[in-house]
PDB file of N, CA and C in Angstrom:
ATOM      1  N   MET A   1       5.109 -14.842  -2.069  1.00  0.00           N
ATOM      2  CA  MET A   1       5.193 -13.389  -2.092  1.00  0.00           C
ATOM      3  C   MET A   1       6.605 -12.922  -2.437  1.00  0.00           C
ATOM      4  N   ILE A   2       7.616 -13.662  -2.051  1.00  0.00           N
ATOM      5  CA  ILE A   2       8.996 -13.260  -2.282  1.00  0.00           C
ATOM      6  C   ILE A   2       9.252 -12.999  -3.762  1.00  0.00           C
ATOM      7  N   ASN A   3       8.788 -13.874  -4.633  1.00  0.00           N
ATOM      8  CA  ASN A   3       9.065 -13.709  -6.058  1.00  0.00           C
ATOM      9  C   ASN A   3       8.355 -12.504  -6.674  1.00  0.00           C
ATOM     10  N   LYS A   4       7.479 -11.876  -5.943  1.00  0.00           N
ATOM     11  CA  LYS A   4       6.758 -10.724  -6.466  1.00  0.00           C
ATOM     12  C   LYS A   4       7.407  -9.394  -6.072  1.00  0.00           C
ATOM     13  N   ILE A   5       8.473  -9.453  -5.298  1.00  0.00           N
ATOM     14  CA  ILE A   5       9.154  -8.228  -4.888  1.00  0.00           C
ATOM     15  C   ILE A   5      10.077  -7.774  -6.008  1.00  0.00           C
ATOM     16  N   GLU A   6       9.840  -6.567  -6.498  1.00  0.00           N
ATOM     17  CA  GLU A   6      10.657  -6.032  -7.580  1.00  0.00           C
ATOM     18  C   GLU A   6      11.890  -5.300  -7.051  1.00  0.00           C
ATOM     19  N   LEU A   7      11.753  -4.626  -5.932  1.00  0.00           N
ATOM     20  CA  LEU A   7      12.825  -3.759  -5.450  1.00  0.00           C
ATOM     21  C   LEU A   7      13.073  -3.954  -3.963  1.00  0.00           C
ATOM     22  N   SER A   8      14.329  -4.101  -3.603  1.00  0.00           N
ATOM     23  CA  SER A   8      14.741  -4.149  -2.196  1.00  0.00           C
ATOM     24  C   SER A   8      15.595  -2.927  -1.901  1.00  0.00           C
ATOM     25  N   VAL A   9      15.244  -2.213  -0.866  1.00  0.00           N
ATOM     26  CA  VAL A   9      16.053  -1.109  -0.371  1.00  0.00           C
ATOM     27  C   VAL A   9      16.879  -1.661   0.784  1.00  0.00           C
ATOM     28  N   ILE A  10      18.201  -1.550   0.670  1.00  0.00           N
ATOM     29  CA  ILE A  10      19.110  -2.069   1.674  1.00  0.00           C
ATOM     30  C   ILE A  10      19.682  -0.904   2.459  1.00  0.00           C
ATOM     31  N   ILE A  11      19.503  -0.944   3.783  1.00  0.00           N
ATOM     32  CA  ILE A  11      19.983   0.128   4.642  1.00  0.00           C
ATOM     33  C   ILE A  11      20.809  -0.467   5.776  1.00  0.00           C
ATOM     34  N   PRO A  12      22.141  -0.268   5.761  1.00  0.00           N
ATOM     35  CA  PRO A  12      22.948  -0.698   6.900  1.00  0.00           C
ATOM     36  C   PRO A  12      22.691   0.254   8.069  1.00  0.00           C
ATOM     37  N   CYS A  13      22.804  -0.271   9.273  1.00  0.00           N
ATOM     38  CA  CYS A  13      22.414   0.541  10.424  1.00  0.00           C
ATOM     39  C   CYS A  13      23.284   0.222  11.635  1.00  0.00           C
ATOM     40  N   LEU A  14      23.790   1.266  12.254  1.00  0.00           N
ATOM     41  CA  LEU A  14      24.514   1.143  13.520  1.00  0.00           C
ATOM     42  C   LEU A  14      24.207   2.386  14.349  1.00  0.00           C
ATOM     43  N   ASN A  15      23.356   2.211  15.342  1.00  0.00           N
ATOM     44  CA  ASN A  15      22.979   3.303  16.245  1.00  0.00           C
ATOM     45  C   ASN A  15      22.447   4.520  15.490  1.00  0.00           C
ATOM     46  N   GLU A  16      21.376   4.302  14.750  1.00  0.00           N
ATOM     47  CA  GLU A  16      20.771   5.359  13.930  1.00  0.00           C
ATOM     48  C   GLU A  16      19.305   5.590  14.299  1.00  0.00           C
ATOM     49  N   GLU A  17      18.996   5.545  15.595  1.00  0.00           N
ATOM     50  CA  GLU A  17      17.593   5.650  15.982  1.00  0.00           C
ATOM     51  C   GLU A  17      16.962   6.990  15.604  1.00  0.00           C
ATOM     52  N   GLN A  18      17.741   8.021  15.378  1.00  0.00           N
ATOM     53  CA  GLN A  18      17.179   9.314  14.974  1.00  0.00           C
ATOM     54  C   GLN A  18      16.693   9.322  13.526  1.00  0.00           C
ATOM     55  N   GLY A  19      17.315   8.520  12.666  1.00  0.00           N
ATOM     56  CA  GLY A  19      16.983   8.594  11.247  1.00  0.00           C
ATOM     57  C   GLY A  19      16.371   7.359  10.633  1.00  0.00           C
ATOM     58  N   ILE A  20      16.569   6.198  11.240  1.00  0.00           N
ATOM     59  CA  ILE A  20      16.166   4.949  10.579  1.00  0.00           C
ATOM     60  C   ILE A  20      14.667   4.875  10.315  1.00  0.00           C
ATOM     61  N   GLY A  21      13.856   5.284  11.244  1.00  0.00           N
ATOM     62  CA  GLY A  21      12.409   5.235  11.044  1.00  0.00           C
ATOM     63  C   GLY A  21      11.963   6.112   9.892  1.00  0.00           C
ATOM     64  N   ILE A  22      12.567   7.290   9.777  1.00  0.00           N
ATOM     65  CA  ILE A  22      12.250   8.216   8.693  1.00  0.00           C
ATOM     66  C   ILE A  22      12.601   7.583   7.346  1.00  0.00           C
ATOM     67  N   CYS A  23      13.780   6.961   7.282  1.00  0.00           N
ATOM     68  CA  CYS A  23      14.236   6.345   6.025  1.00  0.00           C
ATOM     69  C   CYS A  23      13.308   5.211   5.592  1.00  0.00           C
ATOM     70  N   VAL A  24      12.931   4.382   6.542  1.00  0.00           N
ATOM     71  CA  VAL A  24      12.036   3.262   6.228  1.00  0.00           C
ATOM     72  C   VAL A  24      10.683   3.788   5.761  1.00  0.00           C
ATOM     73  N   LYS A  25      10.140   4.748   6.483  1.00  0.00           N
ATOM     74  CA  LYS A  25       8.828   5.292   6.127  1.00  0.00           C
ATOM     75  C   LYS A  25       8.839   5.969   4.763  1.00  0.00           C
ATOM     76  N   LYS A  26       9.902   6.707   4.451  1.00  0.00           N
ATOM     77  CA  LYS A  26       9.995   7.350   3.135  1.00  0.00           C
ATOM     78  C   LYS A  26      10.075   6.305   2.024  1.00  0.00           C
ATOM     79  N   SER A  27      10.819   5.238   2.268  1.00  0.00           N
ATOM     80  CA  SER A  27      10.922   4.164   1.277  1.00  0.00           C
ATOM     81  C   SER A  27       9.558   3.552   1.013  1.00  0.00           C
ATOM     82  N   LEU A  28       8.846   3.231   2.073  1.00  0.00           N
ATOM     83  CA  LEU A  28       7.525   2.618   1.928  1.00  0.00           C
ATOM     84  C   LEU A  28       6.533   3.578   1.274  1.00  0.00           C
ATOM     85  N   GLU A  29       6.653   4.862   1.588  1.00  0.00           N
ATOM     86  CA  GLU A  29       5.796   5.871   0.955  1.00  0.00           C
ATOM     87  C   GLU A  29       6.073   5.932  -0.548  1.00  0.00           C
ATOM     88  N   ALA A  30       7.351   5.880  -0.918  1.00  0.00           N
ATOM     89  CA  ALA A  30       7.713   5.892  -2.337  1.00  0.00           C
ATOM     90  C   ALA A  30       7.141   4.665  -3.044  1.00  0.00           C
ATOM     91  N   PHE A  31       7.219   3.507  -2.401  1.00  0.00           N
ATOM     92  CA  PHE A  31       6.647   2.282  -2.974  1.00  0.00           C
ATOM     93  C   PHE A  31       5.156   2.471  -3.227  1.00  0.00           C
ATOM     94  N   GLU A  32       4.471   2.970  -2.213  1.00  0.00           N
ATOM     95  CA  GLU A  32       3.018   3.112  -2.308  1.00  0.00           C
ATOM     96  C   GLU A  32       2.615   4.095  -3.405  1.00  0.00           C
ATOM     97  N   LYS A  33       3.259   5.248  -3.434  1.00  0.00           N
ATOM     98  CA  LYS A  33       2.901   6.280  -4.420  1.00  0.00           C
ATOM     99  C   LYS A  33       3.173   5.835  -5.849  1.00  0.00           C
ATOM    100  N   ALA A  34       4.238   5.042  -6.034  1.00  0.00           N
ATOM    101  CA  ALA A  34       4.621   4.636  -7.391  1.00  0.00           C
ATOM    102  C   ALA A  34       4.144   3.232  -7.756  1.00  0.00           C
ATOM    103  N   GLY A  35       3.433   2.575  -6.844  1.00  0.00           N
ATOM    104  CA  GLY A  35       2.953   1.227  -7.115  1.00  0.00           C
ATOM    105  C   GLY A  35       4.070   0.205  -7.222  1.00  0.00           C
ATOM    106  N   ILE A  36       5.107   0.378  -6.434  1.00  0.00           N
ATOM    107  CA  ILE A  36       6.262  -0.517  -6.461  1.00  0.00           C
ATOM    108  C   ILE A  36       6.057  -1.657  -5.468  1.00  0.00           C
ATOM    109  N   ARG A  37       6.304  -2.867  -5.924  1.00  0.00           N
ATOM    110  CA  ARG A  37       6.310  -4.021  -5.029  1.00  0.00           C
ATOM    111  C   ARG A  37       7.714  -4.095  -4.440  1.00  0.00           C
ATOM    112  N   GLY A  38       7.844  -3.661  -3.205  1.00  0.00           N
ATOM    113  CA  GLY A  38       9.176  -3.578  -2.626  1.00  0.00           C
ATOM    114  C   GLY A  38       9.233  -3.970  -1.175  1.00  0.00           C
ATOM    115  N   GLU A  39      10.456  -4.004  -0.698  1.00  0.00           N
ATOM    116  CA  GLU A  39      10.732  -4.298   0.700  1.00  0.00           C
ATOM    117  C   GLU A  39      11.885  -3.414   1.156  1.00  0.00           C
ATOM    118  N   VAL A  40      11.924  -3.163   2.451  1.00  0.00           N
ATOM    119  CA  VAL A  40      13.038  -2.447   3.050  1.00  0.00           C
ATOM    120  C   VAL A  40      13.748  -3.424   3.973  1.00  0.00           C
ATOM    121  N   VAL A  41      15.039  -3.618   3.715  1.00  0.00           N
ATOM    122  CA  VAL A  41      15.853  -4.522   4.520  1.00  0.00           C
ATOM    123  C   VAL A  41      16.862  -3.675   5.285  1.00  0.00           C
ATOM    124  N   VAL A  42      16.714  -3.636   6.589  1.00  0.00           N
ATOM    125  CA  VAL A  42      17.662  -2.922   7.451  1.00  0.00           C
ATOM    126  C   VAL A  42      18.607  -3.958   8.029  1.00  0.00           C
ATOM    127  N   VAL A  43      19.893  -3.733   7.829  1.00  0.00           N
ATOM    128  CA  VAL A  43      20.899  -4.650   8.351  1.00  0.00           C
ATOM    129  C   VAL A  43      21.541  -3.995   9.563  1.00  0.00           C
ATOM    130  N   ASP A  44      21.145  -4.465  10.740  1.00  0.00           N
ATOM    131  CA  ASP A  44      21.687  -3.915  11.970  1.00  0.00           C
ATOM    132  C   ASP A  44      23.044  -4.542  12.246  1.00  0.00           C
ATOM    133  N   ASN A  45      24.021  -3.694  12.503  1.00  0.00           N
ATOM    134  CA  ASN A  45      25.403  -4.141  12.657  1.00  0.00           C
ATOM    135  C   ASN A  45      25.883  -4.006  14.101  1.00  0.00           C
ATOM    136  N   GLY A  46      24.964  -4.260  15.055  1.00  0.00           N
ATOM    137  CA  GLY A  46      25.336  -4.255  16.470  1.00  0.00           C
ATOM    138  C   GLY A  46      24.912  -3.019  17.229  1.00  0.00           C
ATOM    139  N   SER A  47      23.803  -2.426  16.836  1.00  0.00           N
ATOM    140  CA  SER A  47      23.327  -1.219  17.514  1.00  0.00           C
ATOM    141  C   SER A  47      23.099  -1.470  18.997  1.00  0.00           C
ATOM    142  N   THR A  48      23.415  -0.453  19.790  1.00  0.00           N
ATOM    143  CA  THR A  48      23.161  -0.519  21.227  1.00  0.00           C
ATOM    144  C   THR A  48      22.001   0.399  21.609  1.00  0.00           C
ATOM    145  N   ASP A  49      21.401   1.032  20.620  1.00  0.00           N
ATOM    146  CA  ASP A  49      20.224   1.864  20.853  1.00  0.00           C
ATOM    147  C   ASP A  49      18.982   1.127  20.348  1.00  0.00           C
ATOM    148  N   ARG A  50      17.916   1.822  20.091  1.00  0.00           N
ATOM    149  CA  ARG A  50      16.651   1.209  19.685  1.00  0.00           C
ATOM    150  C   ARG A  50      16.484   1.127  18.169  1.00  0.00           C
ATOM    151  N   SER A  51      17.540   1.298  17.421  1.00  0.00           N
ATOM    152  CA  SER A  51      17.454   1.291  15.954  1.00  0.00           C
ATOM    153  C   SER A  51      16.724   0.077  15.391  1.00  0.00           C
ATOM    154  N   PRO A  52      17.065  -1.153  15.794  1.00  0.00           N
ATOM    155  CA  PRO A  52      16.376  -2.309  15.207  1.00  0.00           C
ATOM    156  C   PRO A  52      14.868  -2.313  15.477  1.00  0.00           C
ATOM    157  N   GLU A  53      14.490  -1.955  16.688  1.00  0.00           N
ATOM    158  CA  GLU A  53      13.067  -1.931  17.046  1.00  0.00           C
ATOM    159  C   GLU A  53      12.321  -0.854  16.258  1.00  0.00           C
ATOM    160  N   ILE A  54      12.946   0.301  16.119  1.00  0.00           N
ATOM    161  CA  ILE A  54      12.323   1.396  15.366  1.00  0.00           C
ATOM    162  C   ILE A  54      12.169   1.006  13.898  1.00  0.00           C
ATOM    163  N   ALA A  55      13.207   0.394  13.334  1.00  0.00           N
ATOM    164  CA  ALA A  55      13.147  -0.029  11.934  1.00  0.00           C
ATOM    165  C   ALA A  55      12.023  -1.029  11.713  1.00  0.00           C
ATOM    166  N   GLU A  56      11.937  -2.003  12.587  1.00  0.00           N
ATOM    167  CA  GLU A  56      10.896  -3.024  12.452  1.00  0.00           C
ATOM    168  C   GLU A  56       9.501  -2.420  12.625  1.00  0.00           C
ATOM    169  N   ALA A  57       9.345  -1.569  13.622  1.00  0.00           N
ATOM    170  CA  ALA A  57       8.043  -0.931  13.861  1.00  0.00           C
ATOM    171  C   ALA A  57       7.635  -0.032  12.694  1.00  0.00           C
ATOM    172  N   SER A  58       8.616   0.472  11.956  1.00  0.00           N
ATOM    173  CA  SER A  58       8.345   1.341  10.811  1.00  0.00           C
ATOM    174  C   SER A  58       8.029   0.565   9.540  1.00  0.00           C
ATOM    175  N   GLY A  59       8.231  -0.762   9.574  1.00  0.00           N
ATOM    176  CA  GLY A  59       7.859  -1.587   8.433  1.00  0.00           C
ATOM    177  C   GLY A  59       8.995  -2.297   7.728  1.00  0.00           C
ATOM    178  N   ALA A  60      10.196  -2.216   8.267  1.00  0.00           N
ATOM    179  CA  ALA A  60      11.344  -2.881   7.639  1.00  0.00           C
ATOM    180  C   ALA A  60      11.475  -4.318   8.133  1.00  0.00           C
ATOM    181  N   ARG A  61      12.148  -5.099   7.314  1.00  0.00           N
ATOM    182  CA  ARG A  61      12.598  -6.424   7.740  1.00  0.00           C
ATOM    183  C   ARG A  61      14.016  -6.209   8.265  1.00  0.00           C
ATOM    184  N   VAL A  62      14.261  -6.576   9.509  1.00  0.00           N
ATOM    185  CA  VAL A  62      15.550  -6.327  10.142  1.00  0.00           C
ATOM    186  C   VAL A  62      16.364  -7.612  10.184  1.00  0.00           C
ATOM    187  N   ILE A  63      17.588  -7.509   9.687  1.00  0.00           N
ATOM    188  CA  ILE A  63      18.548  -8.600   9.698  1.00  0.00           C
ATOM    189  C   ILE A  63      19.686  -8.167  10.615  1.00  0.00           C
ATOM    190  N   CYS A  64      20.151  -9.044  11.467  1.00  0.00           N
ATOM    191  CA  CYS A  64      21.288  -8.739  12.333  1.00  0.00           C
ATOM    192  C   CYS A  64      22.552  -9.353  11.748  1.00  0.00           C
ATOM    193  N   GLU A  65      23.577  -8.521  11.603  1.00  0.00           N
ATOM    194  CA  GLU A  65      24.877  -8.972  11.101  1.00  0.00           C
ATOM    195  C   GLU A  65      25.915  -8.761  12.195  1.00  0.00           C
ATOM    196  N   SER A  66      26.514  -9.856  12.664  1.00  0.00           N
ATOM    197  CA  SER A  66      27.471  -9.771  13.765  1.00  0.00           C
ATOM    198  C   SER A  66      28.869  -9.361  13.318  1.00  0.00           C
ATOM    199  N   LYS A  67      29.221  -9.641  12.070  1.00  0.00           N
ATOM    200  CA  LYS A  67      30.535  -9.217  11.571  1.00  0.00           C
ATOM    201  C   LYS A  67      30.491  -7.712  11.350  1.00  0.00           C
ATOM    202  N   LYS A  68      31.428  -7.010  11.940  1.00  0.00           N
ATOM    203  CA  LYS A  68      31.428  -5.552  11.904  1.00  0.00           C
ATOM    204  C   LYS A  68      31.853  -5.006  10.548  1.00  0.00           C
ATOM    205  N   GLY A  69      31.301  -3.848  10.229  1.00  0.00           N
ATOM    206  CA  GLY A  69      31.709  -3.115   9.042  1.00  0.00           C
ATOM    207  C   GLY A  69      30.559  -2.775   8.124  1.00  0.00           C
ATOM    208  N   TYR A  70      30.659  -1.589   7.557  1.00  0.00           N
ATOM    209  CA  TYR A  70      29.654  -1.061   6.632  1.00  0.00           C
ATOM    210  C   TYR A  70      29.514  -1.973   5.420  1.00  0.00           C
ATOM    211  N   GLY A  71      30.634  -2.360   4.845  1.00  0.00           N
ATOM    212  CA  GLY A  71      30.609  -3.242   3.680  1.00  0.00           C
ATOM    213  C   GLY A  71      30.024  -4.598   4.002  1.00  0.00           C
ATOM    214  N   GLN A  72      30.362  -5.122   5.166  1.00  0.00           N
ATOM    215  CA  GLN A  72      29.829  -6.413   5.587  1.00  0.00           C
ATOM    216  C   GLN A  72      28.306  -6.340   5.744  1.00  0.00           C
ATOM    217  N   ALA A  73      27.822  -5.229   6.285  1.00  0.00           N
ATOM    218  CA  ALA A  73      26.375  -5.048   6.440  1.00  0.00           C
ATOM    219  C   ALA A  73      25.690  -5.028   5.067  1.00  0.00           C
ATOM    220  N   TYR A  74      26.294  -4.327   4.101  1.00  0.00           N
ATOM    221  CA  TYR A  74      25.721  -4.311   2.761  1.00  0.00           C
ATOM    222  C   TYR A  74      25.729  -5.709   2.140  1.00  0.00           C
ATOM    223  N   LEU A  75      26.840  -6.415   2.252  1.00  0.00           N
ATOM    224  CA  LEU A  75      26.910  -7.764   1.676  1.00  0.00           C
ATOM    225  C   LEU A  75      25.829  -8.664   2.256  1.00  0.00           C
ATOM    226  N   ARG A  76      25.603  -8.576   3.546  1.00  0.00           N
ATOM    227  CA  ARG A  76      24.552  -9.378   4.176  1.00  0.00           C
ATOM    228  C   ARG A  76      23.183  -8.971   3.654  1.00  0.00           C
ATOM    229  N   GLY A  77      22.968  -7.673   3.521  1.00  0.00           N
ATOM    230  CA  GLY A  77      21.696  -7.179   2.987  1.00  0.00           C
ATOM    231  C   GLY A  77      21.451  -7.649   1.570  1.00  0.00           C
ATOM    232  N   PHE A  78      22.481  -7.616   0.744  1.00  0.00           N
ATOM    233  CA  PHE A  78      22.348  -8.096  -0.637  1.00  0.00           C
ATOM    234  C   PHE A  78      21.946  -9.565  -0.653  1.00  0.00           C
ATOM    235  N   SER A  79      22.561 -10.352   0.223  1.00  0.00           N
ATOM    236  CA  SER A  79      22.280 -11.797   0.225  1.00  0.00           C
ATOM    237  C   SER A  79      20.891 -12.112   0.769  1.00  0.00           C
ATOM    238  N   GLU A  80      20.346 -11.221   1.574  1.00  0.00           N
ATOM    239  CA  GLU A  80      19.019 -11.441   2.179  1.00  0.00           C
ATOM    240  C   GLU A  80      17.882 -10.818   1.366  1.00  0.00           C
ATOM    241  N   ALA A  81      18.219  -9.973   0.414  1.00  0.00           N
ATOM    242  CA  ALA A  81      17.196  -9.247  -0.360  1.00  0.00           C
ATOM    243  C   ALA A  81      16.424 -10.189  -1.267  1.00  0.00           C
ATOM    244  N   HIS A  82      15.144  -9.894  -1.435  1.00  0.00           N
ATOM    245  CA  HIS A  82      14.273 -10.687  -2.293  1.00  0.00           C
ATOM    246  C   HIS A  82      13.946  -9.997  -3.611  1.00  0.00           C
ATOM    247  N   GLY A  83      14.337  -8.742  -3.762  1.00  0.00           N
ATOM    248  CA  GLY A  83      13.989  -7.979  -4.949  1.00  0.00           C
ATOM    249  C   GLY A  83      14.869  -8.278  -6.153  1.00  0.00           C
ATOM    250  N   LYS A  84      14.298  -8.035  -7.322  1.00  0.00           N
ATOM    251  CA  LYS A  84      15.050  -8.148  -8.567  1.00  0.00           C
ATOM    252  C   LYS A  84      16.108  -7.045  -8.631  1.00  0.00           C
ATOM    253  N   TYR A  85      15.758  -5.867  -8.135  1.00  0.00           N
ATOM    254  CA  TYR A  85      16.651  -4.716  -8.133  1.00  0.00           C
ATOM    255  C   TYR A  85      16.974  -4.317  -6.701  1.00  0.00           C
ATOM    256  N   LEU A  86      18.158  -3.713  -6.505  1.00  0.00           N
ATOM    257  CA  LEU A  86      18.595  -3.273  -5.182  1.00  0.00           C
ATOM    258  C   LEU A  86      18.892  -1.778  -5.205  1.00  0.00           C
ATOM    259  N   VAL A  87      18.455  -1.084  -4.165  1.00  0.00           N
ATOM    260  CA  VAL A  87      18.785   0.316  -3.952  1.00  0.00           C
ATOM    261  C   VAL A  87      19.447   0.404  -2.582  1.00  0.00           C
ATOM    262  N   MET A  88      20.557   1.129  -2.508  1.00  0.00           N
ATOM    263  CA  MET A  88      21.310   1.279  -1.266  1.00  0.00           C
ATOM    264  C   MET A  88      21.144   2.695  -0.725  1.00  0.00           C
ATOM    265  N   GLY A  89      21.097   2.817   0.586  1.00  0.00           N
ATOM    266  CA  GLY A  89      21.045   4.138   1.206  1.00  0.00           C
ATOM    267  C   GLY A  89      21.412   4.081   2.663  1.00  0.00           C
ATOM    268  N   ASP A  90      21.874   5.199   3.195  1.00  0.00           N
ATOM    269  CA  ASP A  90      22.274   5.280   4.595  1.00  0.00           C
ATOM    270  C   ASP A  90      21.072   5.502   5.511  1.00  0.00           C
ATOM    271  N   ALA A  91      21.257   5.181   6.776  1.00  0.00           N
ATOM    272  CA  ALA A  91      20.181   5.246   7.759  1.00  0.00           C
ATOM    273  C   ALA A  91      20.044   6.608   8.428  1.00  0.00           C
ATOM    274  N   ASP A  92      20.835   7.588   8.015  1.00  0.00           N
ATOM    275  CA  ASP A  92      20.819   8.890   8.687  1.00  0.00           C
ATOM    276  C   ASP A  92      19.978   9.939   7.956  1.00  0.00           C
ATOM    277  N   ASP A  93      19.208   9.517   6.963  1.00  0.00           N
ATOM    278  CA  ASP A  93      18.304  10.391   6.202  1.00  0.00           C
ATOM    279  C   ASP A  93      19.053  11.428   5.360  1.00  0.00           C
ATOM    280  N   THR A  94      20.270  11.100   4.916  1.00  0.00           N
ATOM    281  CA  THR A  94      20.992  12.003   4.018  1.00  0.00           C
ATOM    282  C   THR A  94      20.564  11.806   2.569  1.00  0.00           C
ATOM    283  N   TYR A  95      19.979  10.651   2.265  1.00  0.00           N
ATOM    284  CA  TYR A  95      19.479  10.373   0.919  1.00  0.00           C
ATOM    285  C   TYR A  95      17.969  10.506   0.936  1.00  0.00           C
ATOM    286  N   ASP A  96      17.420  10.979  -0.171  1.00  0.00           N
ATOM    287  CA  ASP A  96      15.971  11.155  -0.240  1.00  0.00           C
ATOM    288  C   ASP A  96      15.337   9.878  -0.797  1.00  0.00           C
ATOM    289  N   PHE A  97      14.851   9.053   0.085  1.00  0.00           N
ATOM    290  CA  PHE A  97      14.255   7.787  -0.305  1.00  0.00           C
ATOM    291  C   PHE A  97      12.969   7.972  -1.108  1.00  0.00           C
ATOM    292  N   LEU A  98      12.415   9.163  -1.093  1.00  0.00           N
ATOM    293  CA  LEU A  98      11.236   9.435  -1.915  1.00  0.00           C
ATOM    294  C   LEU A  98      11.590   9.463  -3.402  1.00  0.00           C
ATOM    295  N   GLU A  99      12.885   9.515  -3.725  1.00  0.00           N
ATOM    296  CA  GLU A  99      13.364   9.515  -5.106  1.00  0.00           C
ATOM    297  C   GLU A  99      13.530   8.101  -5.674  1.00  0.00           C
ATOM    298  N   ILE A 100      13.211   7.089  -4.907  1.00  0.00           N
ATOM    299  CA  ILE A 100      13.382   5.700  -5.336  1.00  0.00           C
ATOM    300  C   ILE A 100      12.777   5.425  -6.716  1.00  0.00           C
ATOM    301  N   PRO A 101      11.589   5.916  -7.030  1.00  0.00           N
ATOM    302  CA  PRO A 101      11.019   5.615  -8.359  1.00  0.00           C
ATOM    303  C   PRO A 101      11.915   6.042  -9.526  1.00  0.00           C
ATOM    304  N   LYS A 102      12.666   7.129  -9.371  1.00  0.00           N
ATOM    305  CA  LYS A 102      13.568   7.574 -10.437  1.00  0.00           C
ATOM    306  C   LYS A 102      14.675   6.549 -10.676  1.00  0.00           C
ATOM    307  N   PHE A 103      15.189   5.964  -9.605  1.00  0.00           N
ATOM    308  CA  PHE A 103      16.211   4.930  -9.732  1.00  0.00           C
ATOM    309  C   PHE A 103      15.628   3.681 -10.392  1.00  0.00           C
ATOM    310  N   LEU A 104      14.449   3.299  -9.947  1.00  0.00           N
ATOM    311  CA  LEU A 104      13.820   2.100 -10.491  1.00  0.00           C
ATOM    312  C   LEU A 104      13.525   2.259 -11.978  1.00  0.00           C
ATOM    313  N   ASP A 105      13.115   3.445 -12.386  1.00  0.00           N
ATOM    314  CA  ASP A 105      12.872   3.684 -13.820  1.00  0.00           C
ATOM    315  C   ASP A 105      14.119   3.384 -14.637  1.00  0.00           C
ATOM    316  N   LYS A 106      15.267   3.848 -14.186  1.00  0.00           N
ATOM    317  CA  LYS A 106      16.527   3.616 -14.905  1.00  0.00           C
ATOM    318  C   LYS A 106      16.897   2.134 -14.900  1.00  0.00           C
ATOM    319  N   LEU A 107      16.683   1.471 -13.777  1.00  0.00           N
ATOM    320  CA  LEU A 107      16.973   0.037 -13.711  1.00  0.00           C
ATOM    321  C   LEU A 107      16.078  -0.740 -14.667  1.00  0.00           C
ATOM    322  N   ARG A 108      14.828  -0.358 -14.733  1.00  0.00           N
ATOM    323  CA  ARG A 108      13.894  -1.013 -15.659  1.00  0.00           C
ATOM    324  C   ARG A 108      14.294  -0.792 -17.118  1.00  0.00           C
ATOM    325  N   GLU A 109      14.943   0.348 -17.386  1.00  0.00           N
ATOM    326  CA  GLU A 109      15.417   0.639 -18.745  1.00  0.00           C
ATOM    327  C   GLU A 109      16.620  -0.213 -19.121  1.00  0.00           C
ATOM    328  N   GLY A 110      17.205  -0.889 -18.153  1.00  0.00           N
ATOM    329  CA  GLY A 110      18.340  -1.771 -18.447  1.00  0.00           C
ATOM    330  C   GLY A 110      19.669  -1.344 -17.877  1.00  0.00           C
ATOM    331  N   TYR A 111      19.712  -0.238 -17.172  1.00  0.00           N
ATOM    332  CA  TYR A 111      20.963   0.184 -16.548  1.00  0.00           C
ATOM    333  C   TYR A 111      21.358  -0.818 -15.460  1.00  0.00           C
ATOM    334  N   ASP A 112      22.650  -1.142 -15.389  1.00  0.00           N
ATOM    335  CA  ASP A 112      23.148  -2.035 -14.344  1.00  0.00           C
ATOM    336  C   ASP A 112      23.392  -1.287 -13.038  1.00  0.00           C
ATOM    337  N   TYR A 113      23.704  -0.013 -13.148  1.00  0.00           N
ATOM    338  CA  TYR A 113      24.064   0.795 -11.991  1.00  0.00           C
ATOM    339  C   TYR A 113      23.533   2.201 -12.212  1.00  0.00           C
ATOM    340  N   VAL A 114      22.898   2.765 -11.184  1.00  0.00           N
ATOM    341  CA  VAL A 114      22.381   4.117 -11.282  1.00  0.00           C
ATOM    342  C   VAL A 114      22.940   4.895 -10.096  1.00  0.00           C
ATOM    343  N   PRO A 115      23.825   5.869 -10.344  1.00  0.00           N
ATOM    344  CA  PRO A 115      24.369   6.669  -9.226  1.00  0.00           C
ATOM    345  C   PRO A 115      23.326   7.661  -8.731  1.00  0.00           C
ATOM    346  N   ALA A 116      23.644   8.373  -7.682  1.00  0.00           N
ATOM    347  CA  ALA A 116      22.727   9.374  -7.139  1.00  0.00           C
ATOM    348  C   ALA A 116      22.251  10.283  -8.246  1.00  0.00           C
ATOM    349  N   ILE A 117      20.954  10.511  -8.266  1.00  0.00           N
ATOM    350  CA  ILE A 117      20.340  11.343  -9.301  1.00  0.00           C
ATOM    351  C   ILE A 117      20.122  12.721  -8.713  1.00  0.00           C
ATOM    352  N   GLY A 118      20.607  13.725  -9.372  1.00  0.00           N
ATOM    353  CA  GLY A 118      20.480  15.068  -8.829  1.00  0.00           C
ATOM    354  C   GLY A 118      19.925  16.049  -9.799  1.00  0.00           C
TER     355      GLY A 118
END
């Protein structure tokens, strides 16, 4: 199944129980609506709240990263991702994960990097 994943959404997380479930669910909804074979990888960076449990219950694969830092969490997520393409987003619901198909379209066209689309 791993080789069939086209897109991995990487979300670093540190005490984001208010937003992480929403982000995961929106990502999965975008996959379903657009027929995307994808996964959501939440990289927990030492949360002391219920963020990891909420992420997992919402459908994400949760990876724990003990080395502190936002960049370190992303690097771990990149190394654990199974998708051909990677999309990054924060766990506080500031990015609209329902827009994922627009990013994937550009990646499929051959773009190496697609910034926020507005």
